Amino acid sequence: MDIIILCNETFYHKTDDNDALFPHLLTQIGIIPDIIVDRELIILVDTDNETTNQGLDNLEKRYRGYKNLGTQFAQ
């Protein structure tokens, strides 16, 4: 079985013909949708423009939503 890794934005795209979410379409054709759960880079306060990924805030809640929409695992 093939796997495709989606970002948050792509995960919520819908098809034109039947308004189905992209992960549902992938599942129907035998592809496992995966999700990257980190978010945008932000500059750390009081640093020389060092950055870090956001993404741990509300991770469990977000992952439950992704799981309900068809993802099998997250990165």
C-alpha atoms as a PDB file:
ATOM      1  CA  MET A   1       0.000   0.000   0.000  1.00  0.00           C
ATOM      2  CA  ASP A   2       1.272   3.483  -0.862  1.00  0.00           C
ATOM      3  CA  ILE A   3       1.522   6.369   1.585  1.00  0.00           C
ATOM      4  CA  ILE A   4       1.315  10.079   0.879  1.00  0.00           C
ATOM      5  CA  ILE A   5       2.446  12.766   3.323  1.00  0.00           C
ATOM      6  CA  LEU A   6       0.248  15.855   3.434  1.00  0.00           C
ATOM      7  CA  CYS A   7       0.664  19.212   5.102  1.00  0.00           C
ATOM      8  CA  ASN A   8      -2.214  20.618   7.148  1.00  0.00           C
ATOM      9  CA  GLU A   9      -3.449  22.852   4.320  1.00  0.00           C
ATOM     10  CA  THR A  10      -3.518  20.062   1.732  1.00  0.00           C
ATOM     11  CA  PHE A  11      -5.179  17.678   4.173  1.00  0.00           C
ATOM     12  CA  TYR A  12      -8.347  19.791   4.120  1.00  0.00           C
ATOM     13  CA  HIS A  13      -8.604  20.265   0.334  1.00  0.00           C
ATOM     14  CA  LYS A  14     -11.766  18.908  -1.254  1.00  0.00           C
ATOM     15  CA  THR A  15     -12.431  17.330  -4.616  1.00  0.00           C
ATOM     16  CA  ASP A  16     -14.307  19.337  -7.239  1.00  0.00           C
ATOM     17  CA  ASP A  17     -16.715  16.617  -8.302  1.00  0.00           C
ATOM     18  CA  ASN A  18     -18.206  15.411  -5.018  1.00  0.00           C
ATOM     19  CA  ASP A  19     -16.765  17.791  -2.382  1.00  0.00           C
ATOM     20  CA  ALA A  20     -15.005  14.909  -0.596  1.00  0.00           C
ATOM     21  CA  LEU A  21     -11.972  15.654   1.542  1.00  0.00           C
ATOM     22  CA  PHE A  22      -8.682  14.696  -0.106  1.00  0.00           C
ATOM     23  CA  PRO A  23      -7.792  12.037   2.546  1.00  0.00           C
ATOM     24  CA  HIS A  24     -11.083  10.232   1.851  1.00  0.00           C
ATOM     25  CA  LEU A  25     -10.322  10.140  -1.868  1.00  0.00           C
ATOM     26  CA  LEU A  26      -6.830   8.789  -1.200  1.00  0.00           C
ATOM     27  CA  THR A  27      -8.164   6.066   1.090  1.00  0.00           C
ATOM     28  CA  GLN A  28     -10.713   4.997  -1.535  1.00  0.00           C
ATOM     29  CA  ILE A  29      -7.956   4.407  -4.083  1.00  0.00           C
ATOM     30  CA  GLY A  30      -5.733   2.497  -1.655  1.00  0.00           C
ATOM     31  CA  ILE A  31      -3.356   5.244  -0.547  1.00  0.00           C
ATOM     32  CA  ILE A  32      -2.765   5.848   3.168  1.00  0.00           C
ATOM     33  CA  PRO A  33      -2.864   9.567   4.016  1.00  0.00           C
ATOM     34  CA  ASP A  34      -0.199  10.741   6.453  1.00  0.00           C
ATOM     35  CA  ILE A  35       0.023  14.202   8.023  1.00  0.00           C
ATOM     36  CA  ILE A  36       2.908  16.436   9.058  1.00  0.00           C
ATOM     37  CA  VAL A  37       1.754  17.900  12.360  1.00  0.00           C
ATOM     38  CA  ASP A  38       4.276  20.674  12.823  1.00  0.00           C
ATOM     39  CA  ARG A  39       3.278  24.177  11.934  1.00  0.00           C
ATOM     40  CA  GLU A  40       5.093  27.262  10.772  1.00  0.00           C
ATOM     41  CA  LEU A  41       8.498  28.432  11.938  1.00  0.00           C
ATOM     42  CA  ILE A  42       8.532  31.213  14.512  1.00  0.00           C
ATOM     43  CA  ILE A  43      11.370  33.362  15.802  1.00  0.00           C
ATOM     44  CA  LEU A  44      12.307  32.616  19.395  1.00  0.00           C
ATOM     45  CA  VAL A  45      12.023  35.582  21.718  1.00  0.00           C
ATOM     46  CA  ASP A  46      15.305  37.102  22.951  1.00  0.00           C
ATOM     47  CA  THR A  47      17.452  35.298  20.359  1.00  0.00           C
ATOM     48  CA  ASP A  48      19.386  36.392  17.312  1.00  0.00           C
ATOM     49  CA  ASN A  49      16.523  35.380  14.985  1.00  0.00           C
ATOM     50  CA  GLU A  50      16.739  31.690  15.907  1.00  0.00           C
ATOM     51  CA  THR A  51      13.635  29.780  14.874  1.00  0.00           C
ATOM     52  CA  THR A  52      11.687  26.777  16.041  1.00  0.00           C
ATOM     53  CA  ASN A  53       8.759  24.779  14.676  1.00  0.00           C
ATOM     54  CA  GLN A  54       5.408  25.201  16.251  1.00  0.00           C
ATOM     55  CA  GLY A  55       3.174  22.205  16.445  1.00  0.00           C
ATOM     56  CA  LEU A  56       2.984  20.653  19.899  1.00  0.00           C
ATOM     57  CA  ASP A  57       0.169  22.917  21.073  1.00  0.00           C
ATOM     58  CA  ASN A  58      -3.104  20.972  21.048  1.00  0.00           C
ATOM     59  CA  LEU A  59      -1.387  18.100  19.243  1.00  0.00           C
ATOM     60  CA  GLU A  60      -3.577  15.381  20.731  1.00  0.00           C
ATOM     61  CA  LYS A  61      -6.778  17.226  19.807  1.00  0.00           C
ATOM     62  CA  ARG A  62      -5.526  17.958  16.289  1.00  0.00           C
ATOM     63  CA  TYR A  63      -4.391  14.375  15.774  1.00  0.00           C
ATOM     64  CA  ARG A  64      -7.795  13.036  16.833  1.00  0.00           C
ATOM     65  CA  GLY A  65      -9.307  15.256  14.150  1.00  0.00           C
ATOM     66  CA  TYR A  66      -6.836  14.003  11.553  1.00  0.00           C
ATOM     67  CA  LYS A  67      -7.553  10.403  12.590  1.00  0.00           C
ATOM     68  CA  ASN A  68     -11.305  10.960  12.182  1.00  0.00           C
ATOM     69  CA  LEU A  69     -10.620  12.233   8.666  1.00  0.00           C
ATOM     70  CA  GLY A  70      -8.661   9.153   7.621  1.00  0.00           C
ATOM     71  CA  THR A  71      -4.991   9.520   8.523  1.00  0.00           C
ATOM     72  CA  GLN A  72      -3.265   6.402   9.774  1.00  0.00           C
ATOM     73  CA  PHE A  73      -0.260   8.062  11.418  1.00  0.00           C
ATOM     74  CA  ALA A  74       1.446  11.418  11.801  1.00  0.00           C
ATOM     75  CA  GLN A  75       4.947  12.777  11.435  1.00  0.00           C
END
